[in-house]
Amino acid sequence: MVLRSRAPVRIDFAGGTTDLKAFRDREVGAVLSGAIARYAYCTLLEHPNGLRIDADDLQEYVEARHIREVEQKSSLQLLTLAIRRFGIDAGVAIKVRTDAPPGSGTGSSASVGVALLALLEHRRAVVMNAKDRLSRYELAEMACGIEGEMGIVGGKQDQYAAAVGGLNYMEFHGDQVFVERIEVSPALVADLEKHLVLCYSGQSRLSGDTNTRMISAYESGEPTVSDALRTVKRVAQESARALRGQDMRRFADLLNEEFDARSRLAPGVLSEYMADLVTAGRSAGAVAAKICGAGGGGCLLFLAAPDKEGPVRRALEAAGGRVLDFTFDFTGLQCWAMDA
């Protein structure tokens, strides 16, 4: 029997960084995001000869007799901590891969964590014939805890988006997370999928480094950063209302307001090459641009004017960007079993 799982990555429309602990402990954080049909996949097989981990995106393949032999390998820390969380020392083979480029600003590492924890939880339930099962929210919170153990300065939106899927407005009250699904018409979903263009800059980034700079400035009371964070929070709240009301002109204006505020959060959030891509996209017909994740590289999200997504895509590719096709995912985390 082979066990498999998948969890979607996300695009964030507004509010990212306000889900970090330093902000949400002082002020309520707010994020608007959408899970997309690009996934982190995990496969688990019984492996009686020890432990095998194949992390395709990291180009890491290890075989060992015991987890102690690999748990100090920093590139595999997320995976080994998840395995340890379920009391597993050996006896399994795990393969992981993602559809999103590493460092893309779409929360792919969080999706890996959620997908792997769900897979290990599914195995626990099967092996122990357990009736109690961890919920999606509990798995998301466990994934957040593991990133905390790793010393990653990150928030909680990515893990919850991966677990529940869909378009969601989230609020972060200290350690509590409240998720509200944004119910929109199928026509609006189709129109968003038609006119949103996701472009990978090719510049991978470390969100923890950028987040550390932002939060240090916020904690020290730097007014430009504090005001910008409050702006992206307000934009998340107003963007959720715009989506519910299908007010796409207002939604585009808010994406641009978020872009301007995020660019002020730390030096290098918008790299020179990313700025060139934004210029190319807007010149070709994009009415809004959004820095995905913490910025400093990764992806940019564009909203094209009606029927202008073709020229926008071509302009971005001509400028060296890589357009990533996507649709929205409304299912979230999934686990299944197949015959070996």
C-alpha atoms as a PDB file:
ATOM      1  CA  MET A   1       0.000   0.000   0.000  1.00  0.00           C
ATOM      2  CA  VAL A   2       1.261   3.455  -0.959  1.00  0.00           C
ATOM      3  CA  LEU A   3       0.020   6.519   0.923  1.00  0.00           C
ATOM      4  CA  ARG A   4       0.022   9.883  -0.799  1.00  0.00           C
ATOM      5  CA  SER A   5      -0.968  13.449   0.044  1.00  0.00           C
ATOM      6  CA  ARG A   6      -1.016  16.868  -1.516  1.00  0.00           C
ATOM      7  CA  ALA A   7      -1.529  20.403  -0.248  1.00  0.00           C
ATOM      8  CA  PRO A   8      -1.909  23.526  -2.407  1.00  0.00           C
ATOM      9  CA  VAL A   9       0.351  26.558  -2.355  1.00  0.00           C
ATOM     10  CA  ARG A  10      -1.212  30.020  -2.269  1.00  0.00           C
ATOM     11  CA  ILE A  11      -1.147  33.478  -3.745  1.00  0.00           C
ATOM     12  CA  ASP A  12      -1.541  36.257  -1.187  1.00  0.00           C
ATOM     13  CA  PHE A  13      -3.549  39.285  -2.238  1.00  0.00           C
ATOM     14  CA  ALA A  14      -2.951  41.447   0.826  1.00  0.00           C
ATOM     15  CA  GLY A  15      -1.897  41.473   4.459  1.00  0.00           C
ATOM     16  CA  GLY A  16       1.119  39.202   4.477  1.00  0.00           C
ATOM     17  CA  THR A  17       3.640  39.847   7.287  1.00  0.00           C
ATOM     18  CA  THR A  18       0.843  40.909   9.658  1.00  0.00           C
ATOM     19  CA  ASP A  19       0.488  37.191  10.462  1.00  0.00           C
ATOM     20  CA  LEU A  20       3.977  37.188  12.029  1.00  0.00           C
ATOM     21  CA  LYS A  21       4.016  36.766  15.800  1.00  0.00           C
ATOM     22  CA  ALA A  22       5.555  40.154  16.588  1.00  0.00           C
ATOM     23  CA  PHE A  23       2.685  41.931  14.838  1.00  0.00           C
ATOM     24  CA  ARG A  24      -0.221  39.654  15.717  1.00  0.00           C
ATOM     25  CA  ASP A  25       0.704  39.713  19.424  1.00  0.00           C
ATOM     26  CA  ARG A  26       0.445  43.523  19.483  1.00  0.00           C
ATOM     27  CA  GLU A  27      -2.200  44.119  16.828  1.00  0.00           C
ATOM     28  CA  VAL A  28      -4.629  41.797  15.063  1.00  0.00           C
ATOM     29  CA  GLY A  29      -3.165  40.526  11.788  1.00  0.00           C
ATOM     30  CA  ALA A  30      -5.282  40.143   8.646  1.00  0.00           C
ATOM     31  CA  VAL A  31      -4.575  38.376   5.337  1.00  0.00           C
ATOM     32  CA  LEU A  32      -6.508  37.714   2.135  1.00  0.00           C
ATOM     33  CA  SER A  33      -5.209  34.788   0.074  1.00  0.00           C
ATOM     34  CA  GLY A  34      -6.230  32.109  -2.379  1.00  0.00           C
ATOM     35  CA  ALA A  35      -5.047  28.506  -2.615  1.00  0.00           C
ATOM     36  CA  ILE A  36      -4.046  27.533  -6.142  1.00  0.00           C
ATOM     37  CA  ALA A  37      -3.820  24.233  -7.985  1.00  0.00           C
ATOM     38  CA  ARG A  38      -0.061  23.911  -7.690  1.00  0.00           C
ATOM     39  CA  TYR A  39       0.810  21.421  -4.998  1.00  0.00           C
ATOM     40  CA  ALA A  40       3.286  19.941  -2.603  1.00  0.00           C
ATOM     41  CA  TYR A  41       3.094  16.157  -3.026  1.00  0.00           C
ATOM     42  CA  CYS A  42       4.249  13.541  -0.512  1.00  0.00           C
ATOM     43  CA  THR A  43       4.436   9.763  -0.896  1.00  0.00           C
ATOM     44  CA  LEU A  44       5.048   7.271   1.924  1.00  0.00           C
ATOM     45  CA  LEU A  45       5.975   3.588   1.713  1.00  0.00           C
ATOM     46  CA  GLU A  46       6.989   1.138   4.394  1.00  0.00           C
ATOM     47  CA  HIS A  47      10.760   0.609   4.198  1.00  0.00           C
ATOM     48  CA  PRO A  48      11.916  -2.129   6.603  1.00  0.00           C
ATOM     49  CA  ASN A  49      15.618  -1.571   5.924  1.00  0.00           C
ATOM     50  CA  GLY A  50      15.778   1.846   7.567  1.00  0.00           C
ATOM     51  CA  LEU A  51      14.841   5.335   6.445  1.00  0.00           C
ATOM     52  CA  ARG A  52      14.801   6.818   2.955  1.00  0.00           C
ATOM     53  CA  ILE A  53      14.058  10.453   2.108  1.00  0.00           C
ATOM     54  CA  ASP A  54      13.868  11.727  -1.484  1.00  0.00           C
ATOM     55  CA  ALA A  55      13.338  15.502  -1.635  1.00  0.00           C
ATOM     56  CA  ASP A  56      13.092  16.130  -5.353  1.00  0.00           C
ATOM     57  CA  ASP A  57      13.131  19.948  -5.288  1.00  0.00           C
ATOM     58  CA  LEU A  58      16.100  20.050  -2.943  1.00  0.00           C
ATOM     59  CA  GLN A  59      17.909  17.414  -5.006  1.00  0.00           C
ATOM     60  CA  GLU A  60      18.440  15.511  -1.774  1.00  0.00           C
ATOM     61  CA  TYR A  61      18.330  11.722  -1.555  1.00  0.00           C
ATOM     62  CA  VAL A  62      19.413   9.953   1.615  1.00  0.00           C
ATOM     63  CA  GLU A  63      19.243   6.419   2.958  1.00  0.00           C
ATOM     64  CA  ALA A  64      20.024   5.693   6.581  1.00  0.00           C
ATOM     65  CA  ARG A  65      19.468   3.067   9.230  1.00  0.00           C
ATOM     66  CA  HIS A  66      18.016   5.589  11.680  1.00  0.00           C
ATOM     67  CA  ILE A  67      16.769   9.180  11.609  1.00  0.00           C
ATOM     68  CA  ARG A  68      19.683  10.222  13.847  1.00  0.00           C
ATOM     69  CA  GLU A  69      21.961   9.862  10.836  1.00  0.00           C
ATOM     70  CA  VAL A  70      20.130  12.532   8.821  1.00  0.00           C
ATOM     71  CA  GLU A  71      18.354  14.860  11.261  1.00  0.00           C
ATOM     72  CA  GLN A  72      21.302  17.271  11.460  1.00  0.00           C
ATOM     73  CA  LYS A  73      21.142  17.869   7.701  1.00  0.00           C
ATOM     74  CA  SER A  74      19.749  21.401   7.589  1.00  0.00           C
ATOM     75  CA  SER A  75      18.096  21.055   4.184  1.00  0.00           C
ATOM     76  CA  LEU A  76      15.997  18.153   5.497  1.00  0.00           C
ATOM     77  CA  GLN A  77      15.165  19.660   8.891  1.00  0.00           C
ATOM     78  CA  LEU A  78      11.503  20.299   8.073  1.00  0.00           C
ATOM     79  CA  LEU A  79      11.039  16.687   6.974  1.00  0.00           C
ATOM     80  CA  THR A  80      12.942  15.094   9.840  1.00  0.00           C
ATOM     81  CA  LEU A  81      11.162  17.186  12.480  1.00  0.00           C
ATOM     82  CA  ALA A  82       7.808  16.144  11.013  1.00  0.00           C
ATOM     83  CA  ILE A  83       8.838  12.488  11.045  1.00  0.00           C
ATOM     84  CA  ARG A  84      10.085  12.794  14.629  1.00  0.00           C
ATOM     85  CA  ARG A  85       6.776  14.402  15.659  1.00  0.00           C
ATOM     86  CA  PHE A  86       5.066  11.065  15.004  1.00  0.00           C
ATOM     87  CA  GLY A  87       7.667   9.024  16.872  1.00  0.00           C
ATOM     88  CA  ILE A  88       9.124   7.471  13.729  1.00  0.00           C
ATOM     89  CA  ASP A  89      12.819   6.575  13.795  1.00  0.00           C
ATOM     90  CA  ALA A  90      12.989   4.307  10.745  1.00  0.00           C
ATOM     91  CA  GLY A  91      10.880   1.979   8.637  1.00  0.00           C
ATOM     92  CA  VAL A  92       9.551   4.454   6.061  1.00  0.00           C
ATOM     93  CA  ALA A  93      10.468   5.811   2.636  1.00  0.00           C
ATOM     94  CA  ILE A  94       9.249   9.335   1.885  1.00  0.00           C
ATOM     95  CA  LYS A  95       9.313  11.254  -1.399  1.00  0.00           C
ATOM     96  CA  VAL A  96       8.478  14.959  -1.624  1.00  0.00           C
ATOM     97  CA  ARG A  97       8.136  17.333  -4.548  1.00  0.00           C
ATOM     98  CA  THR A  98       6.377  20.632  -5.284  1.00  0.00           C
ATOM     99  CA  ASP A  99       4.842  22.234  -8.365  1.00  0.00           C
ATOM    100  CA  ALA A 100       5.995  25.711  -7.332  1.00  0.00           C
ATOM    101  CA  PRO A 101       9.592  26.874  -7.762  1.00  0.00           C
ATOM    102  CA  PRO A 102      11.548  27.056  -4.484  1.00  0.00           C
ATOM    103  CA  GLY A 103      11.628  30.521  -2.974  1.00  0.00           C
ATOM    104  CA  SER A 104       8.675  31.596  -5.136  1.00  0.00           C
ATOM    105  CA  GLY A 105       6.806  33.428  -2.374  1.00  0.00           C
ATOM    106  CA  THR A 106       3.819  31.069  -2.644  1.00  0.00           C
ATOM    107  CA  GLY A 107       4.271  29.272   0.687  1.00  0.00           C
ATOM    108  CA  SER A 108       5.573  26.021  -0.785  1.00  0.00           C
ATOM    109  CA  SER A 109       7.609  25.004   2.283  1.00  0.00           C
ATOM    110  CA  ALA A 110       4.514  25.325   4.467  1.00  0.00           C
ATOM    111  CA  SER A 111       2.554  23.212   1.980  1.00  0.00           C
ATOM    112  CA  VAL A 112       5.244  20.517   2.214  1.00  0.00           C
ATOM    113  CA  GLY A 113       4.980  20.556   5.997  1.00  0.00           C
ATOM    114  CA  VAL A 114       1.189  20.278   5.976  1.00  0.00           C
ATOM    115  CA  ALA A 115       1.151  17.540   3.323  1.00  0.00           C
ATOM    116  CA  LEU A 116       3.787  15.459   5.121  1.00  0.00           C
ATOM    117  CA  LEU A 117       2.177  15.796   8.550  1.00  0.00           C
ATOM    118  CA  ALA A 118      -1.171  14.776   7.090  1.00  0.00           C
ATOM    119  CA  LEU A 119       0.454  11.746   5.476  1.00  0.00           C
ATOM    120  CA  LEU A 120       2.118  10.684   8.734  1.00  0.00           C
ATOM    121  CA  GLU A 121      -1.139  11.231  10.609  1.00  0.00           C
ATOM    122  CA  HIS A 122      -2.959   9.075   8.042  1.00  0.00           C
ATOM    123  CA  ARG A 123      -0.374   6.325   8.530  1.00  0.00           C
ATOM    124  CA  ARG A 124      -0.726   6.575  12.322  1.00  0.00           C
ATOM    125  CA  ALA A 125      -4.487   6.174  12.059  1.00  0.00           C
ATOM    126  CA  VAL A 126      -4.162   3.147   9.752  1.00  0.00           C
ATOM    127  CA  VAL A 127      -1.415   1.407  11.751  1.00  0.00           C
ATOM    128  CA  MET A 128      -3.016   2.015  15.145  1.00  0.00           C
ATOM    129  CA  ASN A 129      -6.615   1.752  13.910  1.00  0.00           C
ATOM    130  CA  ALA A 130      -7.104   5.107  15.612  1.00  0.00           C
ATOM    131  CA  LYS A 131     -10.527   6.708  15.614  1.00  0.00           C
ATOM    132  CA  ASP A 132      -9.256  10.097  16.723  1.00  0.00           C
ATOM    133  CA  ARG A 133      -7.859  12.070  13.818  1.00  0.00           C
ATOM    134  CA  LEU A 134      -6.162  15.434  13.749  1.00  0.00           C
ATOM    135  CA  SER A 135      -8.224  18.085  11.980  1.00  0.00           C
ATOM    136  CA  ARG A 136      -6.913  20.232   9.130  1.00  0.00           C
ATOM    137  CA  TYR A 137      -6.607  23.136  11.547  1.00  0.00           C
ATOM    138  CA  GLU A 138      -4.606  21.025  14.002  1.00  0.00           C
ATOM    139  CA  LEU A 139      -2.278  19.868  11.223  1.00  0.00           C
ATOM    140  CA  ALA A 140      -1.799  23.473  10.096  1.00  0.00           C
ATOM    141  CA  GLU A 141      -0.975  24.521  13.650  1.00  0.00           C
ATOM    142  CA  MET A 142       1.458  21.607  14.020  1.00  0.00           C
ATOM    143  CA  ALA A 143       3.198  22.689  10.812  1.00  0.00           C
ATOM    144  CA  CYS A 144       3.495  26.225  12.212  1.00  0.00           C
ATOM    145  CA  GLY A 145       5.056  24.795  15.362  1.00  0.00           C
ATOM    146  CA  ILE A 146       7.660  22.866  13.401  1.00  0.00           C
ATOM    147  CA  GLU A 147       8.738  25.991  11.507  1.00  0.00           C
ATOM    148  CA  GLY A 148       9.011  27.701  14.887  1.00  0.00           C
ATOM    149  CA  GLU A 149      11.315  24.911  16.097  1.00  0.00           C
ATOM    150  CA  MET A 150      13.459  25.535  13.039  1.00  0.00           C
ATOM    151  CA  GLY A 151      13.866  29.178  14.008  1.00  0.00           C
ATOM    152  CA  ILE A 152      12.058  30.410  10.898  1.00  0.00           C
ATOM    153  CA  VAL A 153      10.606  33.900  11.220  1.00  0.00           C
ATOM    154  CA  GLY A 154       7.329  33.173   9.485  1.00  0.00           C
ATOM    155  CA  GLY A 155       3.623  33.579   9.937  1.00  0.00           C
ATOM    156  CA  LYS A 156       0.645  31.246   9.898  1.00  0.00           C
ATOM    157  CA  GLN A 157      -1.243  32.085   6.720  1.00  0.00           C
ATOM    158  CA  ASP A 158       0.624  29.627   4.482  1.00  0.00           C
ATOM    159  CA  GLN A 159      -0.080  26.549   6.598  1.00  0.00           C
ATOM    160  CA  TYR A 160      -3.780  27.325   6.972  1.00  0.00           C
ATOM    161  CA  ALA A 161      -4.197  28.110   3.269  1.00  0.00           C
ATOM    162  CA  ALA A 162      -2.543  24.770   2.417  1.00  0.00           C
ATOM    163  CA  ALA A 163      -4.823  22.905   4.811  1.00  0.00           C
ATOM    164  CA  VAL A 164      -8.215  24.384   3.919  1.00  0.00           C
ATOM    165  CA  GLY A 165      -7.891  25.597   0.309  1.00  0.00           C
ATOM    166  CA  GLY A 166     -10.148  28.217  -1.271  1.00  0.00           C
ATOM    167  CA  LEU A 167     -10.264  32.002  -1.131  1.00  0.00           C
ATOM    168  CA  ASN A 168      -9.978  33.050   2.499  1.00  0.00           C
ATOM    169  CA  TYR A 169      -9.857  36.068   4.737  1.00  0.00           C
ATOM    170  CA  MET A 170      -7.866  35.220   7.871  1.00  0.00           C
ATOM    171  CA  GLU A 171      -7.382  37.063  11.125  1.00  0.00           C
ATOM    172  CA  PHE A 172      -4.605  36.380  13.628  1.00  0.00           C
ATOM    173  CA  HIS A 173      -5.317  37.214  17.256  1.00  0.00           C
ATOM    174  CA  GLY A 174      -2.120  36.260  19.043  1.00  0.00           C
ATOM    175  CA  ASP A 175      -1.841  32.514  18.495  1.00  0.00           C
ATOM    176  CA  GLN A 176      -5.492  32.150  17.484  1.00  0.00           C
ATOM    177  CA  VAL A 177      -6.361  31.929  13.792  1.00  0.00           C
ATOM    178  CA  PHE A 178      -9.815  32.651  12.385  1.00  0.00           C
ATOM    179  CA  VAL A 179     -10.505  31.618   8.775  1.00  0.00           C
ATOM    180  CA  GLU A 180     -13.453  32.967   6.800  1.00  0.00           C
ATOM    181  CA  ARG A 181     -14.108  31.532   3.352  1.00  0.00           C
ATOM    182  CA  ILE A 182     -14.818  34.220   0.751  1.00  0.00           C
ATOM    183  CA  GLU A 183     -17.864  32.998  -1.147  1.00  0.00           C
ATOM    184  CA  VAL A 184     -17.824  34.301  -4.706  1.00  0.00           C
ATOM    185  CA  SER A 185     -19.678  33.305  -7.858  1.00  0.00           C
ATOM    186  CA  PRO A 186     -18.247  30.730 -10.280  1.00  0.00           C
ATOM    187  CA  ALA A 187     -18.200  33.521 -12.885  1.00  0.00           C
ATOM    188  CA  LEU A 188     -15.927  35.685 -10.726  1.00  0.00           C
ATOM    189  CA  VAL A 189     -13.603  32.736 -10.055  1.00  0.00           C
ATOM    190  CA  ALA A 190     -13.347  32.095 -13.797  1.00  0.00           C
ATOM    191  CA  ASP A 191     -12.728  35.783 -14.482  1.00  0.00           C
ATOM    192  CA  LEU A 192      -9.984  35.956 -11.859  1.00  0.00           C
ATOM    193  CA  GLU A 193      -8.328  32.845 -13.285  1.00  0.00           C
ATOM    194  CA  LYS A 194      -8.459  34.424 -16.754  1.00  0.00           C
ATOM    195  CA  HIS A 195      -7.021  37.808 -15.813  1.00  0.00           C
ATOM    196  CA  LEU A 196      -4.570  37.053 -13.007  1.00  0.00           C
ATOM    197  CA  VAL A 197      -1.024  36.381 -14.225  1.00  0.00           C
ATOM    198  CA  LEU A 198       1.516  34.808 -11.868  1.00  0.00           C
ATOM    199  CA  CYS A 199       5.117  35.451 -12.889  1.00  0.00           C
ATOM    200  CA  TYR A 200       8.213  33.886 -11.340  1.00  0.00           C
ATOM    201  CA  SER A 201      11.143  36.279 -11.424  1.00  0.00           C
ATOM    202  CA  GLY A 202      13.709  33.474 -11.278  1.00  0.00           C
ATOM    203  CA  GLN A 203      15.179  35.114  -8.187  1.00  0.00           C
ATOM    204  CA  SER A 204      14.742  32.745  -5.243  1.00  0.00           C
ATOM    205  CA  ARG A 205      14.545  34.440  -1.862  1.00  0.00           C
ATOM    206  CA  LEU A 206      14.677  33.582   1.835  1.00  0.00           C
ATOM    207  CA  SER A 207      11.514  34.951   3.398  1.00  0.00           C
ATOM    208  CA  GLY A 208      12.926  34.594   6.912  1.00  0.00           C
ATOM    209  CA  ASP A 209      15.696  37.113   6.168  1.00  0.00           C
ATOM    210  CA  THR A 210      13.275  39.677   4.761  1.00  0.00           C
ATOM    211  CA  ASN A 211      10.762  39.096   7.560  1.00  0.00           C
ATOM    212  CA  THR A 212      13.469  39.576  10.184  1.00  0.00           C
ATOM    213  CA  ARG A 213      14.338  43.007   8.779  1.00  0.00           C
ATOM    214  CA  MET A 214      10.682  44.033   8.649  1.00  0.00           C
ATOM    215  CA  ILE A 215       9.876  42.882  12.166  1.00  0.00           C
ATOM    216  CA  SER A 216      13.019  44.391  13.672  1.00  0.00           C
ATOM    217  CA  ALA A 217      12.011  47.765  12.236  1.00  0.00           C
ATOM    218  CA  TYR A 218       8.428  47.310  13.461  1.00  0.00           C
ATOM    219  CA  GLU A 219       9.494  46.352  16.985  1.00  0.00           C
ATOM    220  CA  SER A 220      11.811  49.343  17.177  1.00  0.00           C
ATOM    221  CA  GLY A 221       8.890  51.596  16.273  1.00  0.00           C
ATOM    222  CA  GLU A 222      10.169  52.685  12.861  1.00  0.00           C
ATOM    223  CA  PRO A 223       7.166  54.720  11.617  1.00  0.00           C
ATOM    224  CA  THR A 224       7.492  53.972   7.886  1.00  0.00           C
ATOM    225  CA  VAL A 225       7.388  50.212   8.473  1.00  0.00           C
ATOM    226  CA  SER A 226       4.703  50.370  11.181  1.00  0.00           C
ATOM    227  CA  ASP A 227       2.443  52.490   8.978  1.00  0.00           C
ATOM    228  CA  ALA A 228       3.053  50.232   5.968  1.00  0.00           C
ATOM    229  CA  LEU A 229       2.125  47.114   7.959  1.00  0.00           C
ATOM    230  CA  ARG A 230      -1.092  48.728   9.141  1.00  0.00           C
ATOM    231  CA  THR A 231      -1.826  49.691   5.549  1.00  0.00           C
ATOM    232  CA  VAL A 232      -1.413  46.141   4.204  1.00  0.00           C
ATOM    233  CA  LYS A 233      -3.671  44.905   7.031  1.00  0.00           C
ATOM    234  CA  ARG A 234      -6.374  47.460   6.152  1.00  0.00           C
ATOM    235  CA  VAL A 235      -6.025  46.596   2.460  1.00  0.00           C
ATOM    236  CA  ALA A 236      -6.630  42.905   3.290  1.00  0.00           C
ATOM    237  CA  GLN A 237      -9.862  43.817   5.067  1.00  0.00           C
ATOM    238  CA  GLU A 238     -11.053  46.076   2.254  1.00  0.00           C
ATOM    239  CA  SER A 239      -9.976  43.636  -0.471  1.00  0.00           C
ATOM    240  CA  ALA A 240     -12.115  40.914   1.099  1.00  0.00           C
ATOM    241  CA  ARG A 241     -15.116  43.253   0.911  1.00  0.00           C
ATOM    242  CA  ALA A 242     -14.289  44.139  -2.704  1.00  0.00           C
ATOM    243  CA  LEU A 243     -14.175  40.459  -3.695  1.00  0.00           C
ATOM    244  CA  ARG A 244     -17.456  39.704  -1.944  1.00  0.00           C
ATOM    245  CA  GLY A 245     -19.030  42.614  -3.823  1.00  0.00           C
ATOM    246  CA  GLN A 246     -17.372  41.639  -7.143  1.00  0.00           C
ATOM    247  CA  ASP A 247     -15.955  45.157  -7.352  1.00  0.00           C
ATOM    248  CA  MET A 248     -12.888  44.428  -9.490  1.00  0.00           C
ATOM    249  CA  ARG A 249     -11.950  48.065 -10.060  1.00  0.00           C
ATOM    250  CA  ARG A 250     -11.722  48.568  -6.320  1.00  0.00           C
ATOM    251  CA  PHE A 251      -9.869  45.263  -5.985  1.00  0.00           C
ATOM    252  CA  ALA A 252      -7.261  46.399  -8.534  1.00  0.00           C
ATOM    253  CA  ASP A 253      -6.768  49.718  -6.726  1.00  0.00           C
ATOM    254  CA  LEU A 254      -6.252  47.877  -3.447  1.00  0.00           C
ATOM    255  CA  LEU A 255      -3.686  45.494  -4.970  1.00  0.00           C
ATOM    256  CA  ASN A 256      -1.714  48.537  -6.081  1.00  0.00           C
ATOM    257  CA  GLU A 257      -2.001  50.115  -2.646  1.00  0.00           C
ATOM    258  CA  GLU A 258      -0.655  46.896  -1.102  1.00  0.00           C
ATOM    259  CA  PHE A 259       2.195  46.893  -3.616  1.00  0.00           C
ATOM    260  CA  ASP A 260       3.200  50.431  -2.670  1.00  0.00           C
ATOM    261  CA  ALA A 261       3.011  49.740   1.075  1.00  0.00           C
ATOM    262  CA  ARG A 262       4.930  46.449   0.838  1.00  0.00           C
ATOM    263  CA  SER A 263       7.696  48.126  -1.132  1.00  0.00           C
ATOM    264  CA  ARG A 264       8.294  50.352   1.915  1.00  0.00           C
ATOM    265  CA  LEU A 265       8.649  47.509   4.423  1.00  0.00           C
ATOM    266  CA  ALA A 266      12.359  46.778   3.906  1.00  0.00           C
ATOM    267  CA  PRO A 267      15.164  47.521   1.450  1.00  0.00           C
ATOM    268  CA  GLY A 268      15.215  45.014  -1.376  1.00  0.00           C
ATOM    269  CA  VAL A 269      11.587  43.860  -1.075  1.00  0.00           C
ATOM    270  CA  LEU A 270      11.245  44.967  -4.684  1.00  0.00           C
ATOM    271  CA  SER A 271      14.466  44.074  -6.483  1.00  0.00           C
ATOM    272  CA  GLU A 272      15.589  46.041  -9.514  1.00  0.00           C
ATOM    273  CA  TYR A 273      14.717  43.147 -11.825  1.00  0.00           C
ATOM    274  CA  MET A 274      11.286  42.724 -10.222  1.00  0.00           C
ATOM    275  CA  ALA A 275      10.663  46.437 -10.775  1.00  0.00           C
ATOM    276  CA  ASP A 276      11.541  45.927 -14.460  1.00  0.00           C
ATOM    277  CA  LEU A 277       8.982  43.110 -14.659  1.00  0.00           C
ATOM    278  CA  VAL A 278       6.353  45.334 -13.065  1.00  0.00           C
ATOM    279  CA  THR A 279       7.061  48.042 -15.647  1.00  0.00           C
ATOM    280  CA  ALA A 280       6.807  45.492 -18.464  1.00  0.00           C
ATOM    281  CA  GLY A 281       3.537  44.088 -17.141  1.00  0.00           C
ATOM    282  CA  ARG A 282       1.894  47.459 -16.620  1.00  0.00           C
ATOM    283  CA  SER A 283       3.020  48.728 -20.004  1.00  0.00           C
ATOM    284  CA  ALA A 284       1.369  45.702 -21.650  1.00  0.00           C
ATOM    285  CA  GLY A 285      -1.996  46.092 -19.921  1.00  0.00           C
ATOM    286  CA  ALA A 286      -1.766  45.081 -16.263  1.00  0.00           C
ATOM    287  CA  VAL A 287      -3.919  47.311 -14.075  1.00  0.00           C
ATOM    288  CA  ALA A 288      -2.372  46.033 -10.817  1.00  0.00           C
ATOM    289  CA  ALA A 289       0.742  44.296  -9.537  1.00  0.00           C
ATOM    290  CA  LYS A 290       1.398  42.483  -6.259  1.00  0.00           C
ATOM    291  CA  ILE A 291       4.621  41.265  -4.639  1.00  0.00           C
ATOM    292  CA  CYS A 292       4.047  37.679  -3.500  1.00  0.00           C
ATOM    293  CA  GLY A 293       5.118  36.626  -0.025  1.00  0.00           C
ATOM    294  CA  ALA A 294       7.857  38.593   1.701  1.00  0.00           C
ATOM    295  CA  GLY A 295       9.367  39.831  -1.556  1.00  0.00           C
ATOM    296  CA  GLY A 296      13.035  40.190  -2.356  1.00  0.00           C
ATOM    297  CA  GLY A 297      12.568  37.755  -5.240  1.00  0.00           C
ATOM    298  CA  GLY A 298      10.085  35.021  -5.991  1.00  0.00           C
ATOM    299  CA  CYS A 299       6.803  35.742  -7.768  1.00  0.00           C
ATOM    300  CA  LEU A 300       4.815  38.764  -8.802  1.00  0.00           C
ATOM    301  CA  LEU A 301       1.060  38.661  -9.339  1.00  0.00           C
ATOM    302  CA  PHE A 302      -0.545  40.837 -12.013  1.00  0.00           C
ATOM    303  CA  LEU A 303      -4.180  41.650 -12.685  1.00  0.00           C
ATOM    304  CA  ALA A 304      -4.650  42.315 -16.391  1.00  0.00           C
ATOM    305  CA  ALA A 305      -7.206  44.695 -17.834  1.00  0.00           C
ATOM    306  CA  PRO A 306     -10.125  42.912 -19.552  1.00  0.00           C
ATOM    307  CA  ASP A 307      -8.794  40.630 -22.286  1.00  0.00           C
ATOM    308  CA  LYS A 308      -5.254  41.990 -21.917  1.00  0.00           C
ATOM    309  CA  GLU A 309      -3.759  38.952 -20.162  1.00  0.00           C
ATOM    310  CA  GLY A 310      -2.227  37.718 -23.443  1.00  0.00           C
ATOM    311  CA  PRO A 311      -0.083  40.818 -24.036  1.00  0.00           C
ATOM    312  CA  VAL A 312       0.833  40.911 -20.326  1.00  0.00           C
ATOM    313  CA  ARG A 313       2.019  37.305 -20.386  1.00  0.00           C
ATOM    314  CA  ARG A 314       4.063  37.853 -23.535  1.00  0.00           C
ATOM    315  CA  ALA A 315       5.648  41.021 -22.164  1.00  0.00           C
ATOM    316  CA  LEU A 316       6.668  39.321 -18.934  1.00  0.00           C
ATOM    317  CA  GLU A 317       8.178  36.365 -20.761  1.00  0.00           C
ATOM    318  CA  ALA A 318      10.018  38.706 -23.145  1.00  0.00           C
ATOM    319  CA  ALA A 319      11.464  40.439 -20.061  1.00  0.00           C
ATOM    320  CA  GLY A 320      12.771  37.097 -18.772  1.00  0.00           C
ATOM    321  CA  GLY A 321       9.956  36.159 -16.401  1.00  0.00           C
ATOM    322  CA  ARG A 322       8.360  32.723 -16.217  1.00  0.00           C
ATOM    323  CA  VAL A 323       4.559  32.691 -16.247  1.00  0.00           C
ATOM    324  CA  LEU A 324       3.062  30.021 -13.973  1.00  0.00           C
ATOM    325  CA  ASP A 325      -0.410  28.924 -15.064  1.00  0.00           C
ATOM    326  CA  PHE A 326      -2.863  28.190 -12.257  1.00  0.00           C
ATOM    327  CA  THR A 327      -6.465  27.750 -11.256  1.00  0.00           C
ATOM    328  CA  PHE A 328      -7.843  28.061  -7.743  1.00  0.00           C
ATOM    329  CA  ASP A 329      -8.024  25.048  -5.437  1.00  0.00           C
ATOM    330  CA  PHE A 330     -11.150  24.791  -3.272  1.00  0.00           C
ATOM    331  CA  THR A 331     -10.403  21.374  -1.753  1.00  0.00           C
ATOM    332  CA  GLY A 332      -7.230  21.951   0.213  1.00  0.00           C
ATOM    333  CA  LEU A 333      -5.330  19.117   1.831  1.00  0.00           C
ATOM    334  CA  GLN A 334      -5.962  15.610   0.491  1.00  0.00           C
ATOM    335  CA  CYS A 335      -4.674  12.126   1.472  1.00  0.00           C
ATOM    336  CA  TRP A 336      -5.263   8.875  -0.356  1.00  0.00           C
ATOM    337  CA  ALA A 337      -4.031   5.281  -0.603  1.00  0.00           C
ATOM    338  CA  MET A 338      -3.073   3.270  -3.694  1.00  0.00           C
ATOM    339  CA  ASP A 339      -1.987  -0.298  -4.226  1.00  0.00           C
ATOM    340  CA  ALA A 340       1.812  -0.567  -4.453  1.00  0.00           C
END
